[in-house]
Amino acid sequence: MTTFNDLGLAAPLQRALAEEGYTAPTPIQAQAIPQVMAGRDLLGIAQTGTGKTAAFALPILHRLDADRQRPAPKTVRALILSPTRELASQIADSFRAYGRHLGFSVATVFGGVPHGGQIRALARGVDVLVATPGRLIDHMTSRNADLSRTGIIVLDEADQMLDLGFVQPIRRIVAALPKQRLSLFFSATMPQAIGQLAGELLTDPARVQVTPVAQTADRVDQRVIWVDGSAKRATLVDLLRGEAKGRTLVFVRTKHGADAVVKHLANSGIASDAIHGNRSQNQRVRALDAFKSGRAPVLVATDIAARGIDVDGVTHVVNLDLPNVPESYVHRIGRTARAGAAGQAISIVCNEERNLLRDIERLIRKAIPSEDRRTNRAEPPKVTPRPLPRKHGGGGKPAFGKPAYGKAAHANGNRRHTQRRTHAA
């Protein structure tokens, strides 16, 4: 069995890993770390929960340690782009934990907080910067950040950044980087548009792939509860008072829906909080802290959190609304059954969501066990589901070269994929 000691990482990194209790690398770590240490560009296909943050953080820290230099003011030695604030914060925390004996500076740049602290951190120069694209563009425009000496770039969760309309900011950021650099690209899926972007950014990359997106975690027990549409919230309350008394993550489709569910749960005597795009950074941090500490054991989230929450001990994921994009189902339920634990994924489904469920079952290639709690159990009219978008080669028009904001975003990528998305983030 491969161990971290076998990978040739610098001694301070091995010491930090031992303190964290890490001994054996995950499959993506075992495949990716030697390639990045050798200086090869990397294309990694892996969903969250596979250990990919360490797969790029450890070899980056190793390379920075091997080439010690003080970053010049406003410059960045290694840049990691992340789609969400939560994920950016977690990646930065991982760099700090793994590099605790190396003395490198680690900073974050994202929206929802004042610019002042970020400007001061950038002014000193940063070894590792973890940023969301929009706020980084702001600092570049204001000449607070200079990427002309950035030797390493990581695009993490590239497919979600595409979904959120970050293609043009990413292009602008990459254009500011030196041509001679190490580029790492991680995505949970590889649709045609993502493959095109990877082809533009990477040079002769090593490719590693683990746990395809259609594969749900083996230790997640999935099931569906059919209900009348008006009974969804009451069914959720029953679950939270009964079997789902642990740390439970509830997914809804919209920001308004998340706030309404929190209010409904409060009226039912259940402590919960919400996390979505309309909440300030401080509100989101407080909600996550309350969820982690158990003060609010229920967190209601939109899909912005599907790949940005890494909380140990999530026992249940409840889909109060099924996602419009079937791959999001896999990312949602991946928030439970982490680190070898078991978990429950329960979807509360009404008749109007039949086609969404069929798309999910077709993606994961199995039927999800179900129980029927509808008052009228007569089979609704059958509707022929529309075909899923073709993810590999052909099908769908590449999203690149077109505007990626507001209504123009609906012209990008596969039409069915974008038209069915809501403003849930």
Protein backbone atom coordinates (compact mmCIF):
# COMPACT_ATOMS: atom_id res chain seq x y z
CA MET A 1 0.00 0.00 0.00
CA THR A 2 1.29 3.48 -0.89
CA THR A 3 1.83 5.86 2.02
CA PHE A 4 2.52 9.57 2.07
CA ASN A 5 6.10 8.74 3.07
CA ASP A 6 6.50 6.93 -0.28
CA LEU A 7 5.63 10.06 -2.29
CA GLY A 8 8.81 11.97 -1.44
CA LEU A 9 7.11 15.01 0.04
CA ALA A 10 9.21 17.49 2.01
CA ALA A 11 9.77 16.57 5.64
CA PRO A 12 7.72 19.52 7.05
CA LEU A 13 4.75 18.36 4.96
CA GLN A 14 5.09 14.76 6.18
CA ARG A 15 5.22 16.05 9.73
CA ALA A 16 2.01 18.05 9.25
CA LEU A 17 0.28 15.05 7.66
CA ALA A 18 1.25 12.87 10.61
CA GLU A 19 -0.20 15.47 12.98
CA GLU A 20 -3.42 15.44 10.95
CA GLY A 21 -3.53 11.64 11.23
CA TYR A 22 -3.06 11.04 7.48
CA THR A 23 -1.12 7.94 6.51
CA ALA A 24 -2.37 6.56 3.18
CA PRO A 25 -3.23 8.82 0.20
CA THR A 26 -6.55 8.51 -1.56
CA PRO A 27 -6.49 7.26 -5.19
CA ILE A 28 -6.47 10.76 -6.68
CA GLN A 29 -3.73 11.86 -4.29
CA ALA A 30 -1.58 8.85 -5.12
CA GLN A 31 -1.98 9.54 -8.86
CA ALA A 32 -1.79 13.33 -8.89
CA ILE A 33 0.89 14.22 -6.34
CA PRO A 34 3.86 12.62 -8.18
CA GLN A 35 2.79 14.23 -11.48
CA VAL A 36 2.54 17.74 -10.00
CA MET A 37 5.80 17.30 -8.07
CA ALA A 38 7.44 16.45 -11.40
CA GLY A 39 6.12 19.69 -12.90
CA ARG A 40 3.47 18.34 -15.29
CA ASP A 41 0.20 20.08 -16.00
CA LEU A 42 -2.70 18.02 -14.66
CA LEU A 43 -6.30 17.34 -15.66
CA GLY A 44 -8.15 15.78 -12.72
CA ILE A 45 -11.67 14.39 -12.97
CA ALA A 46 -12.92 13.92 -9.43
CA GLN A 47 -15.90 14.96 -7.37
CA THR A 48 -15.72 16.45 -3.91
CA GLY A 49 -14.98 14.04 -1.09
CA THR A 50 -12.20 12.23 -2.98
CA GLY A 51 -9.36 14.16 -1.33
CA LYS A 52 -8.52 16.36 -4.31
CA THR A 53 -7.66 19.45 -2.25
CA ALA A 54 -4.66 17.64 -0.77
CA ALA A 55 -3.94 16.23 -4.23
CA PHE A 56 -2.97 19.72 -5.41
CA ALA A 57 -2.14 21.49 -2.11
CA LEU A 58 0.61 19.09 -1.02
CA PRO A 59 2.67 19.10 -4.25
CA ILE A 60 2.22 22.88 -4.62
CA LEU A 61 3.59 23.43 -1.11
CA HIS A 62 6.41 20.99 -1.89
CA ARG A 63 7.36 22.95 -5.02
CA LEU A 64 7.17 26.31 -3.25
CA ASP A 65 9.43 24.95 -0.53
CA ALA A 66 11.96 23.71 -3.10
CA ASP A 67 12.13 27.18 -4.67
CA ARG A 68 12.12 29.51 -1.69
CA GLN A 69 11.63 33.15 -2.63
CA ARG A 70 9.87 36.07 -1.03
CA PRO A 71 6.89 37.23 -3.13
CA ALA A 72 7.21 40.80 -4.34
CA PRO A 73 4.52 43.28 -3.24
CA LYS A 74 1.12 42.60 -4.85
CA THR A 75 2.39 39.42 -6.52
CA VAL A 76 1.13 35.86 -6.02
CA ARG A 77 3.25 32.71 -6.31
CA ALA A 78 0.40 30.17 -6.51
CA LEU A 79 -3.23 30.98 -7.38
CA ILE A 80 -6.19 28.70 -6.71
CA LEU A 81 -9.53 29.71 -8.25
CA SER A 82 -12.69 28.48 -6.53
CA PRO A 83 -16.36 28.96 -7.45
CA THR A 84 -17.66 29.81 -3.96
CA ARG A 85 -16.58 31.63 -0.82
CA GLU A 86 -17.11 28.57 1.37
CA LEU A 87 -14.92 26.37 -0.78
CA ALA A 88 -12.27 29.10 -1.02
CA SER A 89 -12.13 29.34 2.77
CA GLN A 90 -11.85 25.57 3.16
CA ILE A 91 -9.08 25.30 0.57
CA ALA A 92 -7.15 28.07 2.33
CA ASP A 93 -7.59 26.29 5.68
CA SER A 94 -6.16 23.11 4.11
CA PHE A 95 -3.10 24.97 2.80
CA ARG A 96 -2.53 26.45 6.24
CA ALA A 97 -2.87 23.06 7.94
CA TYR A 98 -0.57 21.19 5.54
CA GLY A 99 1.96 24.04 5.41
CA ARG A 100 1.99 24.90 9.09
CA HIS A 101 5.72 24.12 9.37
CA LEU A 102 6.73 25.93 6.18
CA GLY A 103 5.86 29.54 7.05
CA PHE A 104 4.15 30.45 3.77
CA SER A 105 1.57 33.22 3.56
CA VAL A 106 -1.94 32.12 2.59
CA ALA A 107 -4.68 34.63 1.77
CA THR A 108 -8.26 34.54 0.48
CA VAL A 109 -10.02 36.93 -1.87
CA PHE A 110 -13.80 36.68 -2.32
CA GLY A 111 -16.90 38.83 -2.26
CA GLY A 112 -19.23 39.58 0.62
CA VAL A 113 -16.52 41.11 2.82
CA PRO A 114 -14.75 44.50 2.77
CA HIS A 115 -11.83 45.00 0.39
CA GLY A 116 -9.51 46.52 3.00
CA GLY A 117 -8.10 43.37 4.59
CA GLN A 118 -7.64 41.74 1.19
CA ILE A 119 -5.81 44.81 -0.17
CA ARG A 120 -3.42 44.79 2.79
CA ALA A 121 -2.70 41.07 2.37
CA LEU A 122 -2.04 41.47 -1.36
CA ALA A 123 0.16 44.52 -0.79
CA ARG A 124 2.67 42.38 1.10
CA GLY A 125 2.77 39.71 -1.60
CA VAL A 126 1.23 36.25 -1.13
CA ASP A 127 2.67 32.75 -1.48
CA VAL A 128 -0.75 31.09 -1.91
CA LEU A 129 -3.88 33.01 -2.89
CA VAL A 130 -7.29 31.30 -2.96
CA ALA A 131 -9.82 33.45 -4.79
CA THR A 132 -13.20 33.56 -6.45
CA PRO A 133 -12.91 34.96 -9.99
CA GLY A 134 -15.16 37.99 -9.63
CA ARG A 135 -13.46 39.55 -6.62
CA LEU A 136 -10.00 38.77 -8.01
CA ILE A 137 -10.91 40.67 -11.20
CA ASP A 138 -11.89 43.63 -8.99
CA HIS A 139 -8.44 43.63 -7.37
CA MET A 140 -6.70 43.24 -10.73
CA THR A 141 -8.66 46.20 -12.13
CA SER A 142 -7.70 48.29 -9.09
CA ARG A 143 -4.04 47.20 -9.50
CA ASN A 144 -4.03 45.54 -6.10
CA ALA A 145 -3.01 42.15 -7.54
CA ASP A 146 -0.21 41.42 -10.00
CA LEU A 147 -0.30 37.94 -11.58
CA SER A 148 2.66 38.44 -13.92
CA ARG A 149 4.88 36.30 -11.67
CA THR A 150 2.35 33.61 -10.73
CA GLY A 151 3.98 30.29 -11.52
CA ILE A 152 1.13 27.95 -10.51
CA ILE A 153 -2.62 28.14 -11.16
CA VAL A 154 -5.36 25.72 -10.07
CA LEU A 155 -8.93 25.78 -11.36
CA ASP A 156 -10.98 23.85 -8.83
CA GLU A 157 -14.57 22.73 -9.53
CA ALA A 158 -14.25 24.05 -13.08
CA ASP A 159 -17.66 22.76 -14.16
CA GLN A 160 -19.39 24.67 -11.37
CA MET A 161 -17.50 27.82 -12.34
CA LEU A 162 -18.87 27.34 -15.85
CA ASP A 163 -22.39 26.96 -14.46
CA LEU A 164 -21.99 30.19 -12.47
CA GLY A 165 -20.91 32.16 -15.53
CA PHE A 166 -17.22 32.60 -14.71
CA VAL A 167 -15.82 31.70 -18.14
CA GLN A 168 -14.91 35.24 -19.22
CA PRO A 169 -13.35 36.20 -15.83
CA ILE A 170 -11.28 33.00 -15.97
CA ARG A 171 -10.09 33.90 -19.48
CA ARG A 172 -9.11 37.36 -18.29
CA ILE A 173 -7.24 35.99 -15.27
CA VAL A 174 -5.36 33.42 -17.33
CA ALA A 175 -4.36 36.10 -19.84
CA ALA A 176 -2.58 37.96 -17.01
CA LEU A 177 -0.46 34.91 -16.10
CA PRO A 178 2.99 34.15 -17.52
CA LYS A 179 3.03 31.64 -20.36
CA GLN A 180 5.55 29.48 -18.50
CA ARG A 181 3.56 28.15 -15.57
CA LEU A 182 2.20 24.99 -13.98
CA SER A 183 -1.55 24.62 -14.60
CA LEU A 184 -3.84 22.22 -12.72
CA PHE A 185 -7.46 21.73 -13.70
CA PHE A 186 -10.03 19.86 -11.60
CA SER A 187 -13.64 19.18 -12.54
CA ALA A 188 -16.27 16.72 -11.38
CA THR A 189 -17.62 16.33 -14.94
CA MET A 190 -16.14 16.78 -18.39
CA PRO A 191 -18.74 18.18 -20.79
CA GLN A 192 -17.53 19.48 -24.13
CA ALA A 193 -17.21 23.11 -22.99
CA ILE A 194 -15.07 22.14 -20.00
CA GLY A 195 -12.89 19.97 -22.22
CA GLN A 196 -12.36 22.94 -24.53
CA LEU A 197 -11.32 25.19 -21.65
CA ALA A 198 -8.92 22.55 -20.34
CA GLY A 199 -7.39 22.26 -23.80
CA GLU A 200 -6.72 26.01 -23.84
CA LEU A 201 -5.12 26.12 -20.38
CA LEU A 202 -3.09 22.91 -20.18
CA THR A 203 0.00 21.74 -22.02
CA ASP A 204 0.46 17.98 -22.44
CA PRO A 205 -1.33 17.30 -19.15
CA ALA A 206 -1.27 14.14 -17.11
CA ARG A 207 -4.85 12.90 -16.68
CA VAL A 208 -6.19 11.32 -13.52
CA GLN A 209 -9.78 10.25 -13.03
CA VAL A 210 -11.53 8.74 -10.03
CA THR A 211 -15.15 8.24 -9.01
CA PRO A 212 -17.10 9.34 -12.09
CA VAL A 213 -19.95 11.74 -11.37
CA ALA A 214 -22.60 9.13 -12.17
CA GLN A 215 -21.37 6.98 -9.31
CA THR A 216 -22.89 7.76 -5.94
CA ALA A 217 -21.07 6.90 -2.73
CA ASP A 218 -21.50 3.23 -1.83
CA ARG A 219 -22.25 3.98 1.82
CA VAL A 220 -25.12 6.40 1.09
CA ASP A 221 -28.50 4.75 1.60
CA GLN A 222 -30.80 6.47 -0.92
CA ARG A 223 -34.57 6.52 -0.99
CA VAL A 224 -37.51 8.52 -2.31
CA ILE A 225 -40.69 9.51 -0.45
CA TRP A 226 -43.58 10.36 -2.78
CA VAL A 227 -45.87 13.04 -1.33
CA ASP A 228 -48.47 15.53 -2.44
CA GLY A 229 -46.81 18.85 -3.25
CA SER A 230 -48.54 20.57 -0.34
CA ALA A 231 -47.20 17.98 2.12
CA LYS A 232 -43.49 18.46 1.47
CA ARG A 233 -42.67 20.68 4.42
CA ALA A 234 -44.79 18.65 6.84
CA THR A 235 -42.97 15.51 5.70
CA LEU A 236 -39.64 17.26 6.28
CA VAL A 237 -40.68 18.17 9.82
CA ASP A 238 -41.68 14.55 10.50
CA LEU A 239 -38.28 13.34 9.27
CA LEU A 240 -36.37 15.86 11.37
CA ARG A 241 -38.34 14.94 14.48
CA GLY A 242 -37.84 11.24 13.81
CA GLU A 243 -35.10 9.42 11.96
CA ALA A 244 -33.17 12.49 10.77
CA LYS A 245 -32.27 13.85 14.20
CA GLY A 246 -28.57 13.98 13.38
CA ARG A 247 -26.72 16.66 11.46
CA THR A 248 -28.96 17.17 8.42
CA LEU A 249 -28.42 19.14 5.23
CA VAL A 250 -31.63 20.11 3.41
CA PHE A 251 -31.43 21.16 -0.24
CA VAL A 252 -33.96 23.45 -1.89
CA ARG A 253 -34.01 25.06 -5.33
CA THR A 254 -34.25 28.79 -4.57
CA LYS A 255 -32.98 31.37 -2.11
CA HIS A 256 -36.53 32.42 -1.20
CA GLY A 257 -37.44 28.77 -0.65
CA ALA A 258 -34.52 28.29 1.74
CA ASP A 259 -35.59 31.22 3.91
CA ALA A 260 -39.21 30.04 3.88
CA VAL A 261 -38.21 26.54 5.02
CA VAL A 262 -36.12 27.94 7.87
CA LYS A 263 -39.12 29.99 9.01
CA HIS A 264 -41.41 26.95 8.77
CA LEU A 265 -38.99 24.82 10.81
CA ALA A 266 -38.68 27.54 13.45
CA ASN A 267 -42.46 27.61 13.79
CA SER A 268 -42.29 23.83 14.29
CA GLY A 269 -39.67 24.17 17.04
CA ILE A 270 -36.70 22.95 14.97
CA ALA A 271 -33.50 25.00 15.01
CA SER A 272 -32.06 25.59 11.54
CA ASP A 273 -30.26 28.17 9.44
CA ALA A 274 -29.92 28.91 5.72
CA ILE A 275 -27.00 29.39 3.38
CA HIS A 276 -27.43 30.85 -0.10
CA GLY A 277 -26.20 33.60 -2.41
CA ASN A 278 -28.23 36.44 -0.89
CA ARG A 279 -26.70 36.02 2.55
CA SER A 280 -23.65 38.07 3.51
CA GLN A 281 -20.34 36.38 4.14
CA ASN A 282 -20.69 36.89 7.90
CA GLN A 283 -24.17 35.34 7.85
CA ARG A 284 -22.88 32.35 5.88
CA VAL A 285 -19.96 31.86 8.25
CA ARG A 286 -22.27 32.03 11.28
CA ALA A 287 -24.66 29.52 9.68
CA LEU A 288 -21.84 27.05 8.98
CA ASP A 289 -20.41 27.50 12.49
CA ALA A 290 -23.84 26.84 14.03
CA PHE A 291 -24.22 23.74 11.85
CA LYS A 292 -20.77 22.40 12.73
CA SER A 293 -21.21 23.06 16.47
CA GLY A 294 -24.71 21.54 16.60
CA ARG A 295 -26.43 24.74 17.71
CA ALA A 296 -28.46 24.51 14.49
CA PRO A 297 -28.30 20.83 13.49
CA VAL A 298 -30.25 21.53 10.29
CA LEU A 299 -28.77 23.59 7.46
CA VAL A 300 -31.02 24.57 4.53
CA ALA A 301 -29.02 25.26 1.38
CA THR A 302 -29.25 25.97 -2.33
CA ASP A 303 -26.88 24.26 -4.73
CA ILE A 304 -24.23 26.89 -4.06
CA ALA A 305 -23.38 24.71 -1.06
CA ALA A 306 -23.39 21.34 -2.81
CA ARG A 307 -19.65 21.44 -3.43
CA GLY A 308 -18.68 24.03 -0.86
CA ILE A 309 -19.58 22.34 2.42
CA ASP A 310 -17.15 19.87 3.93
CA VAL A 311 -18.55 19.15 7.40
CA ASP A 312 -17.82 15.93 9.22
CA GLY A 313 -20.70 13.94 10.62
CA VAL A 314 -23.50 14.90 8.23
CA THR A 315 -25.85 11.97 8.81
CA HIS A 316 -28.66 12.93 6.43
CA VAL A 317 -29.10 14.82 3.19
CA VAL A 318 -32.72 15.65 2.37
CA ASN A 319 -33.68 16.86 -1.10
CA LEU A 320 -36.80 18.91 -0.46
CA ASP A 321 -36.60 19.97 -4.12
CA LEU A 322 -34.94 17.79 -6.72
CA PRO A 323 -32.24 19.61 -8.69
CA ASN A 324 -32.84 20.60 -12.30
CA VAL A 325 -29.42 19.27 -13.28
CA PRO A 326 -29.12 15.55 -12.46
CA GLU A 327 -25.37 15.71 -11.71
CA SER A 328 -26.16 18.08 -8.84
CA TYR A 329 -27.97 15.20 -7.10
CA VAL A 330 -24.69 13.28 -6.86
CA HIS A 331 -22.86 16.29 -5.45
CA ARG A 332 -25.63 16.95 -2.95
CA ILE A 333 -25.76 13.49 -1.45
CA GLY A 334 -21.96 13.39 -1.42
CA ARG A 335 -22.11 15.72 1.61
CA THR A 336 -22.88 12.65 3.73
CA ALA A 337 -21.08 9.29 4.07
CA ARG A 338 -17.69 10.98 4.07
CA ALA A 339 -14.46 9.59 5.50
CA GLY A 340 -15.82 6.06 5.54
CA ALA A 341 -19.00 6.86 7.47
CA ALA A 342 -22.50 5.81 6.42
CA GLY A 343 -25.23 8.27 5.52
CA GLN A 344 -28.84 8.67 4.44
CA ALA A 345 -30.07 10.54 1.36
CA ILE A 346 -33.83 11.11 1.29
CA SER A 347 -35.64 12.85 -1.56
CA ILE A 348 -39.15 14.18 -0.93
CA VAL A 349 -40.72 14.08 -4.38
CA CYS A 350 -44.07 15.18 -5.80
CA ASN A 351 -45.68 14.29 -9.13
CA GLU A 352 -44.37 17.40 -10.87
CA GLU A 353 -40.80 16.16 -10.31
CA ARG A 354 -41.20 12.78 -11.98
CA ASN A 355 -39.06 13.68 -14.98
CA LEU A 356 -36.32 15.11 -12.75
CA LEU A 357 -36.22 11.84 -10.82
CA ARG A 358 -36.08 9.83 -14.04
CA ASP A 359 -33.12 11.89 -15.23
CA ILE A 360 -31.31 11.24 -11.94
CA GLU A 361 -31.98 7.50 -12.04
CA ARG A 362 -30.80 7.34 -15.62
CA LEU A 363 -27.59 9.16 -14.66
CA ILE A 364 -26.77 6.90 -11.71
CA ARG A 365 -28.01 3.85 -13.65
CA LYS A 366 -30.30 2.49 -10.98
CA ALA A 367 -33.78 2.95 -9.58
CA ILE A 368 -33.94 4.54 -6.14
CA PRO A 369 -36.17 2.66 -3.66
CA SER A 370 -39.34 4.57 -2.88
CA GLU A 371 -42.37 4.70 -0.63
CA ASP A 372 -45.68 6.37 -1.45
CA ARG A 373 -47.33 8.75 1.02
CA ARG A 374 -49.59 10.53 -1.48
CA THR A 375 -53.26 10.80 -0.58
CA ASN A 376 -54.15 10.20 -4.24
CA ARG A 377 -51.93 7.37 -5.38
CA ALA A 378 -53.37 7.12 -8.85
CA GLU A 379 -50.57 7.02 -11.38
CA PRO A 380 -50.24 10.47 -12.99
CA PRO A 381 -50.17 10.76 -16.79
CA LYS A 382 -46.95 9.40 -18.21
CA VAL A 383 -44.64 11.98 -19.68
CA THR A 384 -41.80 10.98 -21.97
CA PRO A 385 -38.63 12.43 -20.43
CA ARG A 386 -36.48 14.59 -22.61
CA PRO A 387 -33.04 13.13 -23.39
CA LEU A 388 -30.11 14.08 -21.19
CA PRO A 389 -27.54 16.39 -22.76
CA ARG A 390 -24.61 14.59 -24.35
CA LYS A 391 -21.67 15.08 -22.05
CA HIS A 392 -18.76 13.69 -24.03
CA GLY A 393 -18.04 14.74 -27.59
CA GLY A 394 -20.81 16.35 -29.59
CA GLY A 395 -24.18 17.57 -28.49
CA GLY A 396 -24.60 21.07 -27.17
CA LYS A 397 -22.86 24.15 -28.40
CA PRO A 398 -19.63 25.15 -26.61
CA ALA A 399 -20.19 28.01 -24.18
CA PHE A 400 -16.90 29.73 -24.88
CA GLY A 401 -16.48 33.00 -26.64
CA LYS A 402 -19.97 34.16 -25.64
CA PRO A 403 -21.06 36.43 -22.78
CA ALA A 404 -21.62 34.51 -19.57
CA TYR A 405 -23.67 36.90 -17.47
CA GLY A 406 -27.38 37.51 -16.94
CA LYS A 407 -29.74 36.54 -19.72
CA ALA A 408 -26.85 35.97 -22.09
CA ALA A 409 -25.84 32.98 -20.03
CA HIS A 410 -28.84 31.16 -21.45
CA ALA A 411 -27.15 31.15 -24.83
CA ASN A 412 -24.21 29.21 -23.47
CA GLY A 413 -23.73 25.48 -23.30
CA ASN A 414 -26.53 23.01 -23.68
CA ARG A 415 -29.91 24.73 -23.93
CA ARG A 416 -31.73 22.27 -21.78
CA HIS A 417 -29.09 22.53 -19.07
CA THR A 418 -29.26 26.31 -18.82
CA GLN A 419 -32.95 26.84 -19.42
CA ARG A 420 -33.91 24.52 -16.61
CA ARG A 421 -31.62 26.17 -14.11
CA THR A 422 -33.23 28.61 -11.70
CA HIS A 423 -31.72 31.47 -9.73
CA ALA A 424 -31.12 29.08 -6.85
CA ALA A 425 -27.56 30.07 -6.10
